[in-house]
N, C-alpha and C. Protein backbone atom coordinates (compact mmCIF):
# COMPACT_ATOMS: atom_id res chain seq x y z
N MET A 1 0.97 -1.59 0.24
CA MET A 1 -0.08 0.04 -0.02
C MET A 1 0.81 1.19 -0.13
N ALA A 2 0.29 2.35 -0.81
CA ALA A 2 1.34 3.88 -0.82
C ALA A 2 1.00 4.32 0.45
N ARG A 3 2.07 4.72 0.82
CA ARG A 3 1.98 5.77 1.80
C ARG A 3 1.87 6.89 0.99
N SER A 4 0.62 7.44 2.18
CA SER A 4 -0.04 9.16 1.56
C SER A 4 1.12 9.81 2.18
N PRO A 5 1.51 11.12 0.92
CA PRO A 5 2.38 12.00 1.40
C PRO A 5 2.02 12.95 2.63
N ARG A 6 3.16 13.49 2.97
CA ARG A 6 3.13 14.52 4.04
C ARG A 6 2.60 15.35 3.83
N PRO A 7 1.94 16.09 5.06
CA PRO A 7 1.31 17.32 4.90
C PRO A 7 2.11 18.51 4.77
N PRO A 8 1.76 19.38 4.14
CA PRO A 8 2.61 20.74 3.71
C PRO A 8 3.05 21.22 4.69
N TRP A 9 2.86 21.29 5.61
CA TRP A 9 3.23 22.13 7.02
C TRP A 9 4.59 21.30 7.83
N LYS A 10 4.45 19.61 7.28
CA LYS A 10 5.20 18.86 8.00
C LYS A 10 6.73 18.95 6.38
N ARG A 11 6.80 19.61 5.19
CA ARG A 11 7.50 19.39 4.37
C ARG A 11 8.52 20.65 4.49
N PRO A 12 9.70 20.49 3.72
CA PRO A 12 10.38 22.13 4.08
C PRO A 12 10.31 22.78 2.55
N ASN A 13 10.06 24.30 2.76
CA ASN A 13 9.67 25.01 1.72
C ASN A 13 10.66 24.89 0.69
N PRO A 14 9.94 24.27 -0.29
CA PRO A 14 10.89 24.47 -2.18
C PRO A 14 11.42 25.33 -2.32
N ARG A 15 10.69 26.67 -2.42
CA ARG A 15 11.52 27.81 -2.86
C ARG A 15 12.75 27.76 -1.94
N LYS A 16 12.67 28.04 -0.61
CA LYS A 16 14.05 27.86 0.48
C LYS A 16 15.22 26.79 -0.23
N ARG A 17 14.89 25.72 0.28
CA ARG A 17 15.66 24.77 -0.55
C ARG A 17 16.21 25.15 -1.97
N ALA A 18 15.37 25.74 -2.72
CA ALA A 18 16.17 25.84 -4.18
C ALA A 18 16.70 27.47 -4.34
N GLY A 19 16.49 28.35 -3.24
CA GLY A 19 17.23 29.18 -2.87
C GLY A 19 16.97 30.24 -3.23
N LYS A 20 15.79 30.34 -3.53
CA LYS A 20 14.95 31.74 -4.21
C LYS A 20 14.06 32.50 -3.02
N ALA A 21 13.53 33.32 -3.25
CA ALA A 21 13.13 34.19 -1.82
C ALA A 21 11.60 33.74 -2.20
N SER A 22 10.91 33.69 -1.29
CA SER A 22 9.62 33.99 -0.66
C SER A 22 8.65 34.82 -1.33
N THR A 23 7.59 34.27 -1.87
CA THR A 23 6.56 35.23 -2.45
C THR A 23 5.07 35.31 -1.92
N HIS A 24 4.82 36.70 -2.13
CA HIS A 24 3.72 36.96 -0.72
C HIS A 24 2.92 36.87 -1.55
N LEU A 25 1.34 36.42 -0.82
CA LEU A 25 0.16 37.08 -1.72
C LEU A 25 -0.51 38.28 -1.83
N SER A 26 -1.06 38.75 -2.86
CA SER A 26 -1.71 40.07 -3.09
C SER A 26 -2.81 40.27 -2.13
N PRO A 27 -2.96 41.34 -1.80
CA PRO A 27 -4.28 41.84 -1.14
C PRO A 27 -5.47 40.89 -1.81
N ALA A 28 -5.50 40.61 -2.92
CA ALA A 28 -6.81 40.28 -3.57
C ALA A 28 -7.13 38.56 -3.05
N GLN A 29 -5.79 38.29 -2.89
CA GLN A 29 -5.55 36.89 -3.01
C GLN A 29 -5.53 36.24 -1.62
N LYS A 30 -5.45 37.33 -0.48
CA LYS A 30 -5.22 37.21 0.83
C LYS A 30 -6.70 37.17 1.38
N SER A 31 -7.67 38.57 0.49
CA SER A 31 -9.13 38.05 0.67
C SER A 31 -10.11 36.44 0.25
N ALA A 32 -9.19 36.44 -0.63
CA ALA A 32 -10.13 35.14 -1.42
C ALA A 32 -9.79 34.03 -0.04
N ALA A 33 -8.59 33.75 0.17
CA ALA A 33 -7.94 32.87 1.22
C ALA A 33 -8.98 32.71 2.25
N LYS A 34 -8.80 33.85 2.71
CA LYS A 34 -10.09 34.21 4.11
C LYS A 34 -11.36 34.09 3.81
N ALA A 35 -11.69 34.08 2.68
CA ALA A 35 -13.25 33.64 1.88
C ALA A 35 -13.39 32.37 2.14
N SER A 36 -12.08 31.76 1.66
CA SER A 36 -12.17 30.25 1.24
C SER A 36 -12.02 29.57 2.60
N ALA A 37 -11.81 30.18 4.16
CA ALA A 37 -11.72 29.54 4.97
C ALA A 37 -12.59 29.94 5.79
N ARG A 38 -13.45 30.92 5.36
CA ARG A 38 -14.71 31.13 6.35
C ARG A 38 -15.73 30.13 5.80
N ARG A 39 -15.74 29.46 4.50
CA ARG A 39 -16.69 28.52 3.73
C ARG A 39 -16.43 27.26 4.81
N ALA A 40 -15.14 27.32 5.09
CA ALA A 40 -14.71 25.49 5.64
C ALA A 40 -15.04 26.11 7.06
N GLY A 41 -15.70 27.05 7.81
CA GLY A 41 -15.80 27.08 8.91
C GLY A 41 -14.54 27.59 9.95
N ARG A 42 -13.59 27.91 9.16
CA ARG A 42 -12.19 27.99 10.01
C ARG A 42 -12.51 30.10 10.03
N ARG A 43 -11.76 30.45 11.39
CA ARG A 43 -11.91 31.84 11.49
C ARG A 43 -10.79 32.80 10.66
N TYR A 44 -9.11 31.79 10.58
CA TYR A 44 -8.58 32.21 9.71
C TYR A 44 -8.03 31.90 8.95
N PRO A 45 -7.50 32.31 7.80
CA PRO A 45 -7.01 31.03 6.65
C PRO A 45 -5.34 30.01 6.95
N ASN A 46 -5.71 29.01 6.79
CA ASN A 46 -4.25 27.55 7.14
C ASN A 46 -3.59 28.04 6.21
N LEU A 47 -2.57 27.32 6.01
CA LEU A 47 -1.41 27.31 4.96
C LEU A 47 -1.96 26.46 3.84
N VAL A 48 -3.17 25.51 3.71
CA VAL A 48 -3.69 24.88 2.89
C VAL A 48 -4.54 26.12 1.92
N ASP A 49 -5.19 27.18 2.46
CA ASP A 49 -5.86 28.36 1.76
C ASP A 49 -4.76 28.81 1.27
N ASN A 50 -3.90 29.17 1.77
CA ASN A 50 -2.60 30.19 1.15
C ASN A 50 -2.72 29.63 -0.39
N MET A 51 -1.67 28.51 -0.17
CA MET A 51 -1.27 27.04 -1.32
C MET A 51 -2.59 27.45 -2.20
N ARG A 52 -3.69 27.39 -2.28
CA ARG A 52 -4.59 27.13 -3.49
C ARG A 52 -4.67 28.23 -4.03
N MET A 53 -4.67 29.64 -2.99
CA MET A 53 -4.96 30.67 -3.66
C MET A 53 -3.18 31.09 -4.37
N ALA A 54 -2.32 30.82 -3.89
CA ALA A 54 -1.07 30.89 -4.93
C ALA A 54 -1.03 29.84 -5.92
N SER A 55 -1.40 28.96 -5.97
CA SER A 55 -1.42 27.70 -7.31
C SER A 55 -2.54 28.57 -8.10
N LYS A 56 -3.51 28.90 -7.74
CA LYS A 56 -4.21 29.68 -8.41
C LYS A 56 -3.88 30.47 -9.42
N ALA A 57 -3.51 31.59 -8.46
CA ALA A 57 -2.21 32.74 -9.44
C ALA A 57 -1.44 32.25 -9.98
N LYS A 58 -0.84 30.90 -10.20
CA LYS A 58 0.00 30.36 -11.03
C LYS A 58 -0.52 30.35 -12.32
N LYS A 59 -1.72 29.50 -12.30
CA LYS A 59 -2.26 29.29 -12.98
C LYS A 59 -2.48 30.32 -14.25
N THR A 60 -3.36 31.14 -13.37
CA THR A 60 -4.10 32.62 -14.20
C THR A 60 -2.50 33.01 -15.07
N THR A 61 -1.55 33.13 -14.18
CA THR A 61 -0.20 33.89 -14.96
C THR A 61 -0.44 32.67 -15.87
N ARG A 62 0.29 31.51 -15.92
CA ARG A 62 0.57 30.79 -17.14
C ARG A 62 -0.45 30.92 -18.41
N LYS A 63 -1.84 31.25 -18.34
CA LYS A 63 -3.24 31.11 -18.95
C LYS A 63 -2.71 32.51 -19.97
N ARG A 64 -2.52 33.80 -18.45
CA ARG A 64 -2.10 34.96 -19.72
C ARG A 64 -1.17 35.20 -20.51
N THR A 65 -0.20 34.40 -20.00
CA THR A 65 1.19 34.36 -20.44
C THR A 65 1.17 33.30 -21.87
N ALA A 66 0.58 32.72 -22.09
CA ALA A 66 -0.22 31.78 -23.27
C ALA A 66 -1.38 32.37 -24.38
N ASN A 67 -1.58 33.41 -23.52
CA ASN A 67 -3.34 34.32 -24.35
C ASN A 67 -2.03 35.08 -24.84
N ARG A 68 -1.33 35.97 -24.54
CA ARG A 68 -0.29 37.24 -24.77
C ARG A 68 0.25 36.36 -26.11
N LYS A 69 0.76 35.12 -25.91
CA LYS A 69 2.15 34.62 -27.00
C LYS A 69 1.44 34.17 -28.14
N SER A 70 -0.21 33.50 -27.87
CA SER A 70 -0.99 33.54 -29.10
C SER A 70 -1.55 34.71 -29.64
N LYS A 71 -1.88 35.94 -29.14
CA LYS A 71 -2.50 37.33 -29.24
C LYS A 71 -0.95 37.81 -30.21
N ARG A 72 0.30 37.59 -30.06
CA ARG A 72 1.55 38.06 -30.53
C ARG A 72 1.61 37.33 -32.00
N ARG A 73 1.30 36.02 -32.36
CA ARG A 73 1.58 35.21 -33.10
C ARG A 73 0.60 35.61 -34.61
N SER A 74 -1.38 35.77 -33.79
CA SER A 74 -2.40 36.02 -34.66
C SER A 74 -1.57 37.54 -35.12
N THR A 75 -1.06 38.47 -34.51
CA THR A 75 -1.30 40.19 -34.86
C THR A 75 0.18 39.68 -35.32
N ALA A 76 1.34 39.02 -35.52
CA ALA A 76 2.56 39.04 -36.57
C ALA A 76 1.88 38.20 -37.78
N ALA A 77 0.62 37.36 -38.00
CA ALA A 77 0.30 36.97 -39.16
C ALA A 77 0.13 37.58 -39.84
N THR A 78 -1.37 38.62 -39.36
CA THR A 78 -2.05 39.20 -39.76
C THR A 78 -1.21 40.54 -40.36
N LYS A 79 0.02 41.12 -39.59
CA LYS A 79 0.56 41.81 -40.40
C LYS A 79 1.35 41.62 -41.29
N LYS A 80 1.73 40.06 -41.37
CA LYS A 80 2.29 39.59 -42.52
C LYS A 80 1.58 39.69 -43.64
N THR A 81 0.10 39.65 -44.02
CA THR A 81 -0.35 39.72 -44.98
C THR A 81 -0.51 40.44 -45.85
N PRO A 82 -0.73 42.02 -44.90
CA PRO A 82 -0.55 42.92 -45.98
C PRO A 82 0.62 43.42 -46.35
N ARG A 83 1.26 42.67 -45.75
CA ARG A 83 3.03 43.20 -46.18
C ARG A 83 3.15 42.47 -47.95
N LYS A 84 2.32 41.33 -47.81
CA LYS A 84 2.58 40.58 -48.98
C LYS A 84 1.80 41.50 -50.03
N HIS A 85 0.93 41.77 -50.22
CA HIS A 85 0.23 42.83 -51.05
C HIS A 85 0.71 44.62 -51.18
N SER A 86 1.11 44.69 -49.63
CA SER A 86 1.63 46.26 -49.67
C SER A 86 2.24 46.77 -51.67
N ALA A 87 3.20 45.48 -51.56
CA ALA A 87 3.85 45.95 -53.21
C ALA A 87 2.96 46.21 -54.27
N LYS A 88 2.08 45.28 -54.44
CA LYS A 88 1.18 45.21 -55.35
C LYS A 88 0.22 46.76 -55.02
N ALA A 89 -0.55 47.22 -54.06
CA ALA A 89 -1.03 47.62 -53.48
C ALA A 89 -0.62 49.44 -54.05
N ARG A 90 0.51 49.08 -54.07
CA ARG A 90 1.75 50.27 -54.14
C ARG A 90 1.57 50.77 -55.51
N GLU A 91 1.94 49.72 -56.63
CA GLU A 91 1.76 49.83 -57.62
C GLU A 91 0.30 50.98 -58.67
N LYS A 92 -0.88 50.23 -57.96
CA LYS A 92 -1.90 50.91 -58.35
C LYS A 92 -2.58 52.14 -57.76
N ASP A 93 -2.63 53.05 -58.44
CA ASP A 93 -3.27 54.60 -57.85
C ASP A 93 -4.62 54.23 -57.44
N PRO A 94 -5.25 54.55 -55.92
CA PRO A 94 -6.40 54.55 -55.73
C PRO A 94 -7.45 55.18 -56.33
N LYS A 95 -6.93 56.13 -57.06
CA LYS A 95 -7.93 57.12 -57.80
C LYS A 95 -8.16 56.61 -59.52
N GLY A 96 -6.76 55.72 -59.84
CA GLY A 96 -6.63 55.30 -61.03
C GLY A 96 -5.88 55.25 -61.54
N GLY A 97 -5.94 54.50 -62.40
CA GLY A 97 -4.45 54.22 -63.08
C GLY A 97 -3.17 53.90 -62.48
N LEU A 98 -1.87 53.64 -62.75
CA LEU A 98 -0.82 53.14 -62.24
C LEU A 98 -0.03 54.06 -61.53
N THR A 99 0.33 53.55 -60.72
CA THR A 99 1.72 54.98 -60.26
C THR A 99 2.76 54.67 -60.48
N ALA A 100 4.25 55.47 -60.40
CA ALA A 100 5.41 55.70 -61.06
C ALA A 100 6.18 54.21 -60.62
N ALA A 101 5.95 53.54 -59.77
CA ALA A 101 6.01 52.41 -59.18
C ALA A 101 5.53 50.85 -59.84
N GLY A 102 4.16 51.38 -60.04
CA GLY A 102 3.39 50.55 -61.10
C GLY A 102 3.66 50.30 -62.76
N ARG A 103 4.14 52.11 -62.95
CA ARG A 103 4.78 51.77 -64.25
C ARG A 103 6.14 51.07 -64.90
N LYS A 104 7.20 51.03 -63.20
CA LYS A 104 8.63 50.49 -63.32
C LYS A 104 8.37 49.10 -63.65
N ALA A 105 6.98 48.52 -62.70
CA ALA A 105 7.54 47.13 -62.81
C ALA A 105 6.92 46.52 -63.78
N PHE A 106 5.60 47.43 -64.44
CA PHE A 106 5.09 46.96 -65.37
C PHE A 106 6.12 46.81 -66.39
N ALA A 107 6.79 47.77 -66.74
CA ALA A 107 8.85 47.32 -67.41
C ALA A 107 9.22 46.34 -67.50
N GLY A 108 9.85 46.44 -66.25
CA GLY A 108 10.14 45.20 -65.70
C GLY A 108 9.49 43.81 -66.16
N LYS A 109 8.25 43.50 -66.23
CA LYS A 109 7.61 42.88 -66.37
C LYS A 109 7.31 42.45 -67.94
N GLU A 110 7.20 43.45 -68.68
CA GLU A 110 6.54 43.26 -69.83
C GLU A 110 7.69 44.17 -70.90
N GLY A 111 8.58 45.04 -70.48
CA GLY A 111 9.82 45.32 -71.31
C GLY A 111 8.95 47.08 -72.19
N SER A 112 7.95 47.22 -71.94
CA SER A 112 7.46 47.94 -72.74
C SER A 112 7.43 49.34 -71.14
N HIS A 113 7.48 50.80 -71.90
CA HIS A 113 7.84 51.96 -71.08
C HIS A 113 6.10 53.03 -71.20
N LEU A 114 5.77 52.28 -70.35
CA LEU A 114 4.68 53.46 -70.06
C LEU A 114 4.72 54.76 -69.27
N LYS A 115 3.95 55.40 -69.51
CA LYS A 115 3.72 56.94 -69.30
C LYS A 115 2.44 57.59 -68.60
N PRO A 116 2.81 58.39 -67.63
CA PRO A 116 1.82 58.97 -67.26
C PRO A 116 0.68 59.36 -68.05
N GLY A 117 -0.75 59.12 -67.54
CA GLY A 117 -1.61 59.49 -68.60
C GLY A 117 -1.75 61.10 -69.12
N VAL A 118 -2.06 61.57 -70.06
CA VAL A 118 -1.70 62.91 -70.83
C VAL A 118 -3.38 63.66 -69.88
N ARG A 119 -3.03 64.88 -69.37
CA ARG A 119 -4.18 65.57 -68.33
C ARG A 119 -3.89 66.85 -68.85
N LYS A 120 -3.41 67.70 -70.10
CA LYS A 120 -3.43 68.77 -70.22
C LYS A 120 -5.30 69.17 -71.07
N ARG A 121 -5.03 69.97 -71.42
CA ARG A 121 -6.01 71.22 -72.22
C ARG A 121 -5.58 70.49 -73.30
N VAL A 122 -7.04 70.71 -74.16
CA VAL A 122 -6.65 70.07 -75.56
C VAL A 122 -5.55 71.19 -76.02
N SER A 123 -6.08 72.84 -75.82
CA SER A 123 -5.34 73.68 -75.97
C SER A 123 -3.57 73.36 -75.86
N GLU A 124 -3.31 72.86 -75.10
CA GLU A 124 -1.98 72.74 -74.61
C GLU A 124 -1.40 71.36 -74.83
N MET A 125 -1.82 70.90 -75.78
CA MET A 125 -1.57 69.34 -76.14
C MET A 125 -0.78 69.60 -77.35
N THR A 126 0.76 68.76 -77.19
CA THR A 126 1.24 68.38 -78.47
C THR A 126 0.72 67.68 -79.52
N ALA A 127 1.02 67.28 -80.45
CA ALA A 127 0.68 66.78 -81.81
C ALA A 127 0.88 65.05 -80.69
N GLN A 128 1.50 64.56 -80.25
CA GLN A 128 2.09 63.28 -79.68
C GLN A 128 0.94 62.87 -78.67
N ASP A 129 0.75 64.37 -77.76
CA ASP A 129 -0.07 63.94 -76.84
C ASP A 129 -1.63 63.75 -77.10
N MET A 130 -2.25 64.18 -78.32
CA MET A 130 -3.08 64.32 -79.11
C MET A 130 -3.53 62.23 -79.11
N ARG A 131 -2.17 61.89 -80.06
CA ARG A 131 -2.31 60.61 -79.95
C ARG A 131 -2.44 59.97 -79.26
N ARG A 132 -1.64 59.99 -78.41
CA ARG A 132 -1.68 59.44 -77.14
C ARG A 132 -3.16 58.95 -76.03
N LYS A 133 -3.50 60.36 -76.24
CA LYS A 133 -4.86 60.00 -75.41
C LYS A 133 -6.13 60.05 -76.10
N GLY A 134 -5.90 60.24 -77.80
CA GLY A 134 -6.86 60.17 -78.85
C GLY A 134 -7.19 58.33 -78.48
N SER A 135 -5.80 57.73 -79.19
CA SER A 135 -5.34 56.05 -78.90
C SER A 135 -6.09 55.13 -77.44
N TRP A 136 -5.56 55.88 -76.43
CA TRP A 136 -6.41 55.41 -74.88
C TRP A 136 -7.71 55.61 -75.15
N ALA A 137 -8.24 56.74 -75.74
CA ALA A 137 -9.56 56.76 -75.41
C ALA A 137 -10.41 55.57 -76.31
N VAL A 138 -10.18 55.54 -77.73
CA VAL A 138 -10.35 55.03 -78.25
C VAL A 138 -10.49 53.42 -77.70
N ARG A 139 -9.46 52.73 -77.36
CA ARG A 139 -9.10 51.61 -77.28
C ARG A 139 -10.02 51.47 -75.58
N PHE A 140 -9.79 52.00 -74.68
CA PHE A 140 -10.50 51.56 -73.50
C PHE A 140 -12.30 51.88 -73.50
N TYR A 141 -12.92 52.88 -74.31
CA TYR A 141 -14.09 52.88 -74.12
C TYR A 141 -15.06 53.37 -75.83
N GLY A 142 -14.23 52.91 -76.83
CA GLY A 142 -14.78 53.06 -78.03
C GLY A 142 -15.19 51.56 -78.43
N ARG A 143 -14.50 50.21 -77.79
CA ARG A 143 -14.83 48.94 -77.67
C ARG A 143 -16.63 48.58 -77.84
N LYS A 144 -16.58 47.63 -79.11
CA LYS A 144 -18.01 47.38 -78.84
C LYS A 144 -18.77 47.02 -77.97
N LYS A 145 -18.03 45.98 -77.03
CA LYS A 145 -18.67 45.54 -76.02
C LYS A 145 -17.99 46.21 -74.65
N LEU A 146 -18.57 47.09 -73.83
CA LEU A 146 -17.22 47.62 -72.53
C LEU A 146 -17.49 46.51 -71.56
N PRO A 147 -16.48 46.79 -70.78
CA PRO A 147 -16.55 46.09 -69.26
C PRO A 147 -17.66 46.75 -68.54
N PRO A 148 -17.50 45.98 -67.30
CA PRO A 148 -18.16 47.05 -66.61
C PRO A 148 -17.80 47.62 -65.89
N LEU A 149 -18.45 48.88 -65.51
CA LEU A 149 -18.03 50.20 -65.66
C LEU A 149 -18.18 50.66 -63.75
N VAL A 150 -19.29 49.74 -63.00
CA VAL A 150 -19.38 49.99 -62.00
C VAL A 150 -19.58 48.34 -61.46
N ASP A 151 -19.53 48.39 -59.93
CA ASP A 151 -19.54 46.94 -59.69
C ASP A 151 -21.12 46.70 -58.43
N SER A 152 -21.12 45.90 -58.08
CA SER A 152 -22.55 45.57 -57.16
C SER A 152 -22.42 46.25 -56.20
N ARG A 153 -21.67 47.30 -55.65
CA ARG A 153 -21.54 48.29 -54.72
C ARG A 153 -22.24 49.58 -55.60
N GLY A 154 -22.11 49.78 -56.66
CA GLY A 154 -21.95 50.98 -57.36
C GLY A 154 -21.26 51.87 -57.47
N GLN A 155 -19.88 51.20 -56.70
CA GLN A 155 -18.16 51.99 -57.57
C GLN A 155 -17.92 51.52 -58.11
N PRO A 156 -17.17 53.14 -58.93
CA PRO A 156 -16.53 52.48 -60.11
C PRO A 156 -15.70 51.62 -60.12
N THR A 157 -15.60 50.42 -61.18
CA THR A 157 -14.37 49.56 -61.22
C THR A 157 -12.85 50.08 -62.24
N ARG A 158 -11.76 49.23 -61.98
CA ARG A 158 -10.76 49.73 -62.28
C ARG A 158 -10.49 50.41 -63.78
N HIS A 159 -11.14 49.93 -64.86
CA HIS A 159 -11.56 50.25 -66.35
C HIS A 159 -12.21 51.38 -66.06
N ALA A 160 -13.36 51.91 -65.26
CA ALA A 160 -13.91 53.09 -65.40
C ALA A 160 -13.18 54.42 -64.83
N LEU A 161 -12.18 54.03 -63.59
CA LEU A 161 -11.30 54.91 -62.55
C LEU A 161 -10.00 55.35 -63.70
N SER A 162 -9.45 54.57 -64.65
CA SER A 162 -8.64 54.62 -65.76
C SER A 162 -8.83 56.04 -66.23
N ALA A 163 -10.17 56.68 -66.76
CA ALA A 163 -10.22 57.65 -67.19
C ALA A 163 -10.11 59.23 -66.38
N HIS A 164 -9.75 58.49 -64.97
CA HIS A 164 -9.10 59.79 -63.72
C HIS A 164 -7.66 59.97 -64.23
N ALA A 165 -6.75 58.63 -64.57
CA ALA A 165 -5.55 58.63 -64.89
C ALA A 165 -5.44 59.80 -65.82
N TRP A 166 -6.07 59.90 -67.16
CA TRP A 166 -5.87 60.89 -68.27
C TRP A 166 -7.02 62.08 -68.34
N GLY A 167 -7.08 62.78 -67.01
CA GLY A 167 -8.00 63.76 -66.77
C GLY A 167 -9.19 63.62 -67.03
N GLU A 168 -9.65 62.82 -67.43
CA GLU A 168 -11.43 62.73 -68.06
C GLU A 168 -12.27 62.46 -66.51
N PRO A 169 -13.49 62.81 -66.49
CA PRO A 169 -14.36 62.21 -65.56
C PRO A 169 -14.97 61.22 -65.49
N VAL A 170 -14.75 60.06 -64.30
CA VAL A 170 -15.00 58.61 -64.40
C VAL A 170 -16.79 58.64 -64.96
N PRO A 171 -16.54 58.03 -65.85
CA PRO A 171 -17.57 57.42 -66.24
C PRO A 171 -18.55 56.11 -65.05
N LYS A 172 -19.91 56.18 -65.43
CA LYS A 172 -20.69 55.07 -64.51
C LYS A 172 -21.37 54.84 -65.62
N THR A 173 -21.87 55.64 -66.46
CA THR A 173 -22.72 55.26 -67.81
C THR A 173 -22.18 54.61 -69.28
N ALA A 174 -22.40 53.79 -69.77
CA ALA A 174 -22.18 53.34 -70.99
C ALA A 174 -21.97 54.88 -71.72
N ALA A 175 -22.96 55.68 -71.98
CA ALA A 175 -22.90 57.01 -72.60
C ALA A 175 -21.95 57.82 -72.26
N ALA A 176 -21.57 57.83 -71.10
CA ALA A 176 -20.31 59.00 -70.45
C ALA A 176 -19.30 57.73 -71.14
N ALA A 177 -19.38 56.95 -70.91
CA ALA A 177 -17.61 56.41 -71.40
C ALA A 177 -17.73 56.38 -73.34
N ARG A 178 -18.82 56.53 -74.08
CA ARG A 178 -18.69 56.70 -75.26
C ARG A 178 -18.55 58.28 -75.35
N ARG A 179 -18.88 59.06 -74.97
CA ARG A 179 -18.52 60.60 -75.20
C ARG A 179 -16.78 60.37 -74.85
N ILE A 180 -16.21 60.25 -74.06
CA ILE A 180 -14.84 59.84 -73.98
C ILE A 180 -14.56 59.50 -75.03
N ALA A 181 -15.02 58.29 -75.63
CA ALA A 181 -14.23 57.54 -76.77
C ALA A 181 -14.54 58.81 -78.03
N ALA A 182 -15.72 59.38 -77.99
CA ALA A 182 -15.91 60.30 -79.22
C ALA A 182 -14.70 61.17 -79.15
N LYS A 183 -14.41 61.86 -77.74
CA LYS A 183 -13.63 63.03 -77.77
C LYS A 183 -11.94 62.46 -78.64
N GLY A 184 -11.83 61.26 -78.33
CA GLY A 184 -10.59 60.88 -78.40
C GLY A 184 -10.39 60.26 -79.89
N LYS A 185 -11.34 60.02 -80.80
CA LYS A 185 -11.67 60.10 -82.40
C LYS A 185 -11.43 61.72 -82.75
N ARG A 186 -11.59 63.05 -81.97
CA ARG A 186 -11.37 63.72 -82.64
C ARG A 186 -10.00 64.39 -82.04
N LEU A 187 -9.48 63.61 -81.26
CA LEU A 187 -8.33 63.80 -80.90
C LEU A 187 -7.32 63.42 -81.81
N LEU A 188 -7.57 62.09 -82.57
CA LEU A 188 -6.92 61.42 -83.44
C LEU A 188 -6.71 62.34 -84.65
N GLU A 189 -8.35 62.75 -85.10
CA GLU A 189 -8.05 63.55 -85.79
C GLU A 189 -7.43 64.82 -86.50
N ARG A 190 -7.57 65.07 -85.45
CA ARG A 190 -6.38 66.68 -85.29
C ARG A 190 -5.19 66.37 -85.17
N TYR A 191 -5.05 65.09 -84.60
CA TYR A 191 -3.31 64.85 -84.66
C TYR A 191 -2.94 64.53 -86.49
N ARG A 192 -3.77 63.59 -86.78
CA ARG A 192 -3.91 63.64 -88.26
C ARG A 192 -3.57 65.04 -89.01
N ASN A 193 -4.23 65.56 -88.95
CA ASN A 193 -4.31 67.26 -89.72
C ASN A 193 -3.11 67.65 -89.75
N GLU A 194 -2.74 67.75 -88.02
CA GLU A 194 -1.44 68.33 -87.73
C GLU A 194 -0.01 67.46 -88.64
N LYS A 195 -0.18 66.80 -88.38
CA LYS A 195 0.85 65.83 -89.19
C LYS A 195 1.02 65.84 -90.60
N LYS A 196 -0.32 66.42 -91.14
CA LYS A 196 -0.25 66.39 -92.58
C LYS A 196 0.55 67.91 -92.91
N ARG A 197 0.38 68.52 -92.26
CA ARG A 197 1.10 70.26 -92.31
C ARG A 197 2.51 69.95 -92.60
């Protein structure tokens, strides 16, 4: 038959034996130990009550440490996700078109040298400006079947937002897109006339 362990008051203090300083209960732990003693019918808490409160404190500390570690891991994971997409996000201008970084990245992938959209007035445009803007307007908004200009929430799509990069109002209807295409045709016509001179 196994021998029952000695009661705690007959065992040496493990902290003293390990050469560690003794810890004291907090005021909240002391009041909890007193309440535990009262429930057991004792006027004052004994060593067992105090030990129970100390062990509970250790468990809660371990739980808090584990929770903190898991929170750190989750926040680290959430922080890492946007970083993967941040480079791509910086390449697209939220107002429409590509940023300078986006044009550079596109040049690296495709080998083409994209330029920012022409946002000048017609009176200030050169022949090349007219050719570029006219070509863009006809290609984007002069095609037979237009891509969606607004999404399910009624917000303009990237296709529609490209008009902003070229100094045009963002079209939300097919009629508005066709007006930009008609302007593009007029610019190409002016470019051809300028070239003939």
